[in-house]
N, C-alpha and C. Protein backbone atom coordinates (compact mmCIF):
# COMPACT_ATOMS: atom_id res chain seq x y z
N UNK A 1 -46.32 171.69 110.68
CA UNK A 1 -46.71 171.75 109.29
C UNK A 1 -46.22 173.07 108.70
N UNK A 2 -45.61 173.00 107.58
CA UNK A 2 -45.08 174.17 106.89
C UNK A 2 -46.22 175.01 106.29
N UNK A 3 -45.96 176.30 106.13
CA UNK A 3 -46.96 177.17 105.49
C UNK A 3 -47.15 176.80 104.02
N UNK A 4 -46.19 176.08 103.45
CA UNK A 4 -46.29 175.71 102.04
C UNK A 4 -46.87 174.32 101.84
N UNK A 5 -47.21 173.64 102.93
CA UNK A 5 -47.78 172.31 102.83
C UNK A 5 -49.14 172.35 102.15
N UNK A 6 -49.27 171.55 101.11
CA UNK A 6 -50.55 171.43 100.43
C UNK A 6 -51.33 170.31 101.11
N UNK A 7 -52.48 170.66 101.63
CA UNK A 7 -53.30 169.68 102.35
C UNK A 7 -54.04 168.77 101.37
N UNK A 8 -54.35 167.55 101.80
CA UNK A 8 -55.11 166.65 100.93
C UNK A 8 -56.43 167.25 100.45
N UNK A 9 -57.12 168.00 101.32
CA UNK A 9 -58.40 168.59 100.91
C UNK A 9 -58.19 169.62 99.80
N UNK A 10 -57.05 170.32 99.81
CA UNK A 10 -56.76 171.27 98.74
C UNK A 10 -56.56 170.53 97.41
N UNK A 11 -55.87 169.41 97.45
CA UNK A 11 -55.67 168.62 96.23
C UNK A 11 -57.01 168.13 95.68
N UNK A 12 -57.86 167.63 96.57
CA UNK A 12 -59.17 167.11 96.17
C UNK A 12 -60.01 168.22 95.55
N UNK A 13 -60.02 169.39 96.19
CA UNK A 13 -60.81 170.52 95.67
C UNK A 13 -60.31 170.95 94.29
N UNK A 14 -59.00 171.02 94.12
CA UNK A 14 -58.43 171.43 92.83
C UNK A 14 -58.75 170.41 91.75
N UNK A 15 -58.64 169.13 92.10
CA UNK A 15 -58.94 168.08 91.12
C UNK A 15 -60.43 168.02 90.77
N UNK A 16 -61.28 168.34 91.75
CA UNK A 16 -62.72 168.29 91.52
C UNK A 16 -63.23 169.51 90.76
N UNK A 17 -62.46 170.59 90.75
CA UNK A 17 -62.87 171.83 90.09
C UNK A 17 -61.78 172.34 89.15
N UNK A 18 -61.46 171.57 88.11
CA UNK A 18 -60.35 171.98 87.24
C UNK A 18 -60.61 173.27 86.47
N UNK A 19 -61.86 173.63 86.27
CA UNK A 19 -62.17 174.86 85.54
C UNK A 19 -61.87 176.12 86.36
N UNK A 20 -61.65 175.97 87.65
CA UNK A 20 -61.39 177.14 88.50
C UNK A 20 -59.96 177.67 88.40
N UNK A 21 -59.04 176.89 87.80
CA UNK A 21 -57.67 177.36 87.64
C UNK A 21 -57.65 178.61 86.78
N UNK A 22 -56.88 179.61 87.19
CA UNK A 22 -56.72 180.86 86.44
C UNK A 22 -55.26 181.00 86.04
N UNK A 23 -55.00 181.19 84.76
CA UNK A 23 -53.63 181.36 84.26
C UNK A 23 -53.23 182.82 84.32
N UNK A 24 -51.95 183.05 84.63
CA UNK A 24 -51.46 184.41 84.68
C UNK A 24 -49.95 184.48 84.58
N UNK A 25 -49.44 185.69 84.66
CA UNK A 25 -48.01 185.97 84.60
C UNK A 25 -47.63 186.77 85.83
N UNK A 26 -46.52 186.41 86.46
CA UNK A 26 -46.04 187.14 87.63
C UNK A 26 -45.51 188.50 87.18
N UNK A 27 -46.02 189.57 87.79
CA UNK A 27 -45.54 190.92 87.46
C UNK A 27 -44.70 191.52 88.58
N UNK A 28 -44.82 190.97 89.79
CA UNK A 28 -43.97 191.35 90.93
C UNK A 28 -43.73 190.12 91.78
N UNK A 29 -42.49 189.96 92.24
CA UNK A 29 -42.16 188.85 93.13
C UNK A 29 -41.43 189.40 94.35
N UNK A 30 -41.99 189.12 95.51
CA UNK A 30 -41.41 189.55 96.78
C UNK A 30 -41.27 188.33 97.67
N UNK A 31 -40.65 188.48 98.81
CA UNK A 31 -40.42 187.33 99.68
C UNK A 31 -41.71 186.66 100.14
N UNK A 32 -42.72 187.46 100.44
CA UNK A 32 -43.95 186.89 101.00
C UNK A 32 -45.16 186.97 100.09
N UNK A 33 -45.02 187.57 98.91
CA UNK A 33 -46.18 187.64 98.01
C UNK A 33 -45.75 187.80 96.56
N UNK A 34 -46.70 187.45 95.70
CA UNK A 34 -46.56 187.65 94.26
C UNK A 34 -47.72 188.51 93.79
N UNK A 35 -47.45 189.32 92.79
CA UNK A 35 -48.53 190.03 92.12
C UNK A 35 -48.65 189.38 90.75
N UNK A 36 -49.86 188.91 90.44
CA UNK A 36 -50.09 188.15 89.22
C UNK A 36 -51.11 188.88 88.35
N UNK A 37 -50.78 189.04 87.07
CA UNK A 37 -51.71 189.57 86.08
C UNK A 37 -52.33 188.36 85.38
N UNK A 38 -53.62 188.18 85.58
CA UNK A 38 -54.30 187.03 85.00
C UNK A 38 -54.72 187.32 83.57
N UNK A 39 -54.92 186.28 82.81
CA UNK A 39 -55.26 186.42 81.41
C UNK A 39 -56.61 187.09 81.19
N UNK A 40 -57.47 187.10 82.22
CA UNK A 40 -58.77 187.76 82.10
C UNK A 40 -58.67 189.26 82.38
N UNK A 41 -57.45 189.76 82.66
CA UNK A 41 -57.24 191.18 82.91
C UNK A 41 -57.15 191.57 84.37
N UNK A 42 -57.53 190.69 85.27
CA UNK A 42 -57.46 190.99 86.70
C UNK A 42 -56.00 190.92 87.17
N UNK A 43 -55.69 191.73 88.16
CA UNK A 43 -54.37 191.70 88.80
C UNK A 43 -54.61 191.46 90.28
N UNK A 44 -53.93 190.44 90.83
CA UNK A 44 -54.15 190.04 92.21
C UNK A 44 -52.84 189.85 92.94
N UNK A 45 -52.84 190.28 94.19
CA UNK A 45 -51.69 190.04 95.07
C UNK A 45 -51.98 188.76 95.86
N UNK A 46 -51.06 187.81 95.79
CA UNK A 46 -51.23 186.52 96.47
C UNK A 46 -50.16 186.35 97.54
N UNK A 47 -50.59 185.98 98.75
CA UNK A 47 -49.64 185.67 99.81
C UNK A 47 -49.12 184.25 99.58
N UNK A 48 -47.81 184.15 99.41
CA UNK A 48 -47.19 182.86 99.13
C UNK A 48 -45.89 182.80 99.93
N UNK A 49 -45.72 181.77 100.75
CA UNK A 49 -44.47 181.62 101.49
C UNK A 49 -43.33 181.39 100.52
N UNK A 50 -42.20 182.07 100.74
CA UNK A 50 -41.02 181.97 99.87
C UNK A 50 -41.38 182.25 98.42
N UNK A 51 -42.23 183.23 98.20
CA UNK A 51 -42.74 183.52 96.86
C UNK A 51 -41.63 183.79 95.86
N UNK A 52 -40.61 184.55 96.26
CA UNK A 52 -39.55 184.90 95.31
C UNK A 52 -38.71 183.70 94.89
N UNK A 53 -38.75 182.63 95.67
CA UNK A 53 -38.03 181.40 95.31
C UNK A 53 -38.89 180.50 94.43
N UNK A 54 -40.19 180.70 94.44
CA UNK A 54 -41.11 179.85 93.69
C UNK A 54 -41.30 180.35 92.26
N UNK A 55 -41.40 181.68 92.09
CA UNK A 55 -41.63 182.25 90.76
C UNK A 55 -40.99 183.62 90.66
N UNK A 56 -40.48 183.93 89.50
CA UNK A 56 -39.88 185.24 89.27
C UNK A 56 -40.75 186.03 88.30
N UNK A 57 -40.46 187.30 88.16
CA UNK A 57 -41.22 188.17 87.26
C UNK A 57 -41.16 187.58 85.85
N UNK A 58 -42.33 187.52 85.22
CA UNK A 58 -42.44 186.98 83.87
C UNK A 58 -42.80 185.51 83.82
N UNK A 59 -42.78 184.84 84.96
CA UNK A 59 -43.08 183.40 84.99
C UNK A 59 -44.57 183.15 84.85
N UNK A 60 -44.94 182.13 84.07
CA UNK A 60 -46.35 181.75 83.99
C UNK A 60 -46.74 180.96 85.24
N UNK A 61 -47.91 181.24 85.77
CA UNK A 61 -48.41 180.54 86.95
C UNK A 61 -49.90 180.25 86.76
N UNK A 62 -50.42 179.40 87.61
CA UNK A 62 -51.86 179.14 87.66
C UNK A 62 -52.28 179.20 89.12
N UNK A 63 -53.41 179.85 89.37
CA UNK A 63 -53.93 179.98 90.73
C UNK A 63 -55.32 179.36 90.79
N UNK A 64 -55.55 178.59 91.84
CA UNK A 64 -56.87 178.00 92.07
C UNK A 64 -57.43 178.68 93.31
N UNK A 65 -58.31 179.68 93.14
CA UNK A 65 -58.78 180.45 94.29
C UNK A 65 -59.64 179.66 95.27
N UNK A 66 -60.32 178.63 94.82
CA UNK A 66 -61.15 177.84 95.72
C UNK A 66 -60.27 176.97 96.63
N UNK A 67 -59.29 176.32 96.05
CA UNK A 67 -58.38 175.46 96.82
C UNK A 67 -57.23 176.24 97.43
N UNK A 68 -57.08 177.52 97.06
CA UNK A 68 -56.00 178.38 97.52
C UNK A 68 -54.64 177.77 97.21
N UNK A 69 -54.46 177.39 95.94
CA UNK A 69 -53.21 176.81 95.46
C UNK A 69 -52.61 177.65 94.35
N UNK A 70 -51.28 177.62 94.27
CA UNK A 70 -50.56 178.23 93.17
C UNK A 70 -49.69 177.14 92.55
N UNK A 71 -49.72 177.06 91.24
CA UNK A 71 -48.87 176.13 90.51
C UNK A 71 -47.89 176.95 89.69
N UNK A 72 -46.60 176.68 89.90
CA UNK A 72 -45.56 177.41 89.18
C UNK A 72 -44.38 176.48 88.95
N UNK A 73 -44.04 176.28 87.70
CA UNK A 73 -42.88 175.45 87.38
C UNK A 73 -42.97 174.04 87.93
N UNK A 74 -44.16 173.47 87.95
CA UNK A 74 -44.33 172.11 88.44
C UNK A 74 -44.43 171.99 89.95
N UNK A 75 -44.41 173.12 90.65
CA UNK A 75 -44.52 173.13 92.11
C UNK A 75 -45.89 173.68 92.49
N UNK A 76 -46.54 173.02 93.42
CA UNK A 76 -47.80 173.54 93.96
C UNK A 76 -47.57 173.96 95.40
N UNK A 77 -48.11 175.10 95.76
CA UNK A 77 -47.99 175.60 97.11
C UNK A 77 -49.25 176.39 97.47
N UNK A 78 -49.41 176.71 98.73
CA UNK A 78 -50.57 177.47 99.14
C UNK A 78 -50.44 178.92 98.69
N UNK A 79 -51.54 179.53 98.33
CA UNK A 79 -51.57 180.92 97.88
C UNK A 79 -52.93 181.51 98.18
N UNK A 80 -52.93 182.56 98.99
CA UNK A 80 -54.18 183.22 99.35
C UNK A 80 -54.17 184.64 98.87
N UNK A 81 -55.31 185.11 98.42
CA UNK A 81 -55.43 186.51 98.01
C UNK A 81 -55.14 187.41 99.21
N UNK A 82 -54.30 188.39 98.97
CA UNK A 82 -53.91 189.29 100.08
C UNK A 82 -54.77 190.52 100.08
């Protein structure tokens, strides 16, 4: 199983808790992590496999901290707070 594989339980959790999604903008993109400035003012470093290929600086993203998912450009992948 790939580190970017979204598990069925993650999909179910995200769908069951749509209010938990947090919108933000990527402020740093590295190979293994992204730094995201969320619209609520928080800044978080997220561990994301192939992060620099998924989103670049300035890209809008959404993070679901309960399901540990990141949505960027129509792609969902695992993302954990680092």
